[in-house]
C-alpha atoms as a PDB file:
ATOM      1  CA  MET A   1     229.480  41.299 -90.465  1.00  0.00           C
ATOM      2  CA  VAL A   2     227.182  41.241 -93.747  1.00  0.00           C
ATOM      3  CA  GLN A   3     228.677  43.147 -96.526  1.00  0.00           C
ATOM      4  CA  HIS A   4     225.958  44.855 -98.560  1.00  0.00           C
ATOM      5  CA  PRO A   5     227.163  45.738-102.259  1.00  0.00           C
ATOM      6  CA  LEU A   6     226.878  49.241-103.369  1.00  0.00           C
ATOM      7  CA  GLU A   7     224.323  49.893-105.864  1.00  0.00           C
ATOM      8  CA  THR A   8     223.452  52.978-108.000  1.00  0.00           C
ATOM      9  CA  ILE A   9     219.719  53.483-109.093  1.00  0.00           C
ATOM     10  CA  HIS A  10     219.349  55.051-112.343  1.00  0.00           C
ATOM     11  CA  THR A  11     215.944  56.827-113.087  1.00  0.00           C
ATOM     12  CA  ASP A  12     214.368  58.229-116.146  1.00  0.00           C
ATOM     13  CA  GLY A  13     212.673  61.799-116.268  1.00  0.00           C
ATOM     14  CA  LEU A  14     209.495  60.484-114.136  1.00  0.00           C
ATOM     15  CA  GLY A  15     211.794  59.071-111.396  1.00  0.00           C
ATOM     16  CA  SER A  16     211.123  55.474-112.473  1.00  0.00           C
ATOM     17  CA  ILE A  17     213.818  53.088-111.955  1.00  0.00           C
ATOM     18  CA  PHE A  18     215.004  51.539-115.065  1.00  0.00           C
ATOM     19  CA  VAL A  19     218.736  50.345-114.322  1.00  0.00           C
ATOM     20  CA  VAL A  20     220.415  49.271-111.410  1.00  0.00           C
ATOM     21  CA  THR A  21     224.368  48.877-111.324  1.00  0.00           C
ATOM     22  CA  ASP A  22     226.895  47.578-108.887  1.00  0.00           C
ATOM     23  CA  GLU A  23     230.014  49.227-107.660  1.00  0.00           C
ATOM     24  CA  SER A  24     231.816  48.330-110.912  1.00  0.00           C
ATOM     25  CA  GLY A  25     229.083  49.802-113.099  1.00  0.00           C
ATOM     26  CA  ILE A  26     227.877  46.427-114.282  1.00  0.00           C
ATOM     27  CA  MET A  27     224.069  46.229-114.892  1.00  0.00           C
ATOM     28  CA  THR A  28     222.516  43.978-111.983  1.00  0.00           C
ATOM     29  CA  GLU A  29     218.641  44.868-112.752  1.00  0.00           C
ATOM     30  CA  LEU A  30     216.751  46.189-115.830  1.00  0.00           C
ATOM     31  CA  LEU A  31     212.976  47.478-115.666  1.00  0.00           C
ATOM     32  CA  ASP A  32     210.630  48.425-118.361  1.00  0.00           C
ATOM     33  CA  TYR A  33     207.122  50.061-117.925  1.00  0.00           C
ATOM     34  CA  ASN A  34     204.122  50.240-119.983  1.00  0.00           C
ATOM     35  CA  PRO A  35     202.059  53.581-120.011  1.00  0.00           C
ATOM     36  CA  PHE A  36     200.534  54.031-116.503  1.00  0.00           C
ATOM     37  CA  GLY A  37     203.022  51.705-114.753  1.00  0.00           C
ATOM     38  CA  THR A  38     202.373  48.420-115.490  1.00  0.00           C
ATOM     39  CA  GLU A  39     205.701  46.470-115.634  1.00  0.00           C
ATOM     40  CA  ARG A  40     206.597  45.187-119.294  1.00  0.00           C
ATOM     41  CA  SER A  41     209.531  43.373-118.305  1.00  0.00           C
ATOM     42  CA  SER A  42     212.288  43.075-115.470  1.00  0.00           C
ATOM     43  CA  TRP A  43     215.667  41.220-115.253  1.00  0.00           C
ATOM     44  CA  SER A  44     218.004  40.551-112.473  1.00  0.00           C
ATOM     45  CA  SER A  45     221.487  39.025-112.318  1.00  0.00           C
ATOM     46  CA  THR A  46     221.169  38.470-108.715  1.00  0.00           C
ATOM     47  CA  SER A  47     217.840  36.823-108.084  1.00  0.00           C
ATOM     48  CA  GLU A  48     217.097  33.039-108.291  1.00  0.00           C
ATOM     49  CA  ASP A  49     214.115  33.537-110.457  1.00  0.00           C
ATOM     50  CA  GLY A  50     215.704  36.326-112.855  1.00  0.00           C
ATOM     51  CA  GLU A  51     213.138  38.917-111.730  1.00  0.00           C
ATOM     52  CA  ALA A  52     214.081  42.389-110.545  1.00  0.00           C
ATOM     53  CA  GLU A  53     214.039  42.937-106.718  1.00  0.00           C
ATOM     54  CA  SER A  54     213.845  46.715-106.514  1.00  0.00           C
ATOM     55  CA  GLN A  55     211.026  47.807-104.129  1.00  0.00           C
ATOM     56  CA  LYS A  56     210.751  51.169-105.908  1.00  0.00           C
ATOM     57  CA  THR A  57     209.771  51.118-109.297  1.00  0.00           C
ATOM     58  CA  TYR A  58     207.584  53.139-111.569  1.00  0.00           C
ATOM     59  CA  ILE A  59     207.736  56.752-110.945  1.00  0.00           C
ATOM     60  CA  GLY A  60     210.002  56.049-107.972  1.00  0.00           C
ATOM     61  CA  GLU A  61     207.104  54.598-105.648  1.00  0.00           C
ATOM     62  CA  TYR A  62     207.090  51.464-103.741  1.00  0.00           C
ATOM     63  CA  SER A  63     205.671  48.396-105.237  1.00  0.00           C
ATOM     64  CA  ASP A  64     204.288  44.984-103.748  1.00  0.00           C
ATOM     65  CA  LYS A  65     204.846  42.332-106.270  1.00  0.00           C
ATOM     66  CA  GLU A  66     202.828  39.776-104.274  1.00  0.00           C
ATOM     67  CA  LEU A  67     199.723  42.192-104.267  1.00  0.00           C
ATOM     68  CA  GLY A  68     200.398  43.501-107.704  1.00  0.00           C
ATOM     69  CA  GLN A  69     199.950  47.085-106.488  1.00  0.00           C
ATOM     70  CA  SER A  70     201.909  50.256-106.099  1.00  0.00           C
ATOM     71  CA  ASN A  71     201.757  52.894-103.378  1.00  0.00           C
ATOM     72  CA  PHE A  72     201.382  56.131-105.012  1.00  0.00           C
ATOM     73  CA  ASN A  73     201.034  58.016-101.594  1.00  0.00           C
ATOM     74  CA  PHE A  74     197.439  58.048-101.581  1.00  0.00           C
ATOM     75  CA  ILE A  75     195.826  59.163 -98.635  1.00  0.00           C
ATOM     76  CA  PRO A  76     192.257  58.619 -98.369  1.00  0.00           C
ATOM     77  CA  THR A  77     190.052  61.409 -96.909  1.00  0.00           C
ATOM     78  CA  THR A  78     186.511  61.656 -95.809  1.00  0.00           C
ATOM     79  CA  CYS A  79     183.937  64.344 -96.348  1.00  0.00           C
END
């Protein structure tokens, strides 16, 4: 059985994730954003490359780091 550690996600007033802590309260990820959501910096104590691994980032929306895009729940409509 794989054990998954308990993590707590800390958000700011917009819902953006800026800190993730483990079950001991030790910071495991730190994220910072420029205005309009571009990532300023990220850090992780658990990933091999030191980059944060959270899928939800700016204003709590999912982001795809490979594509460099975020899903802001946009649903295209036709006229």
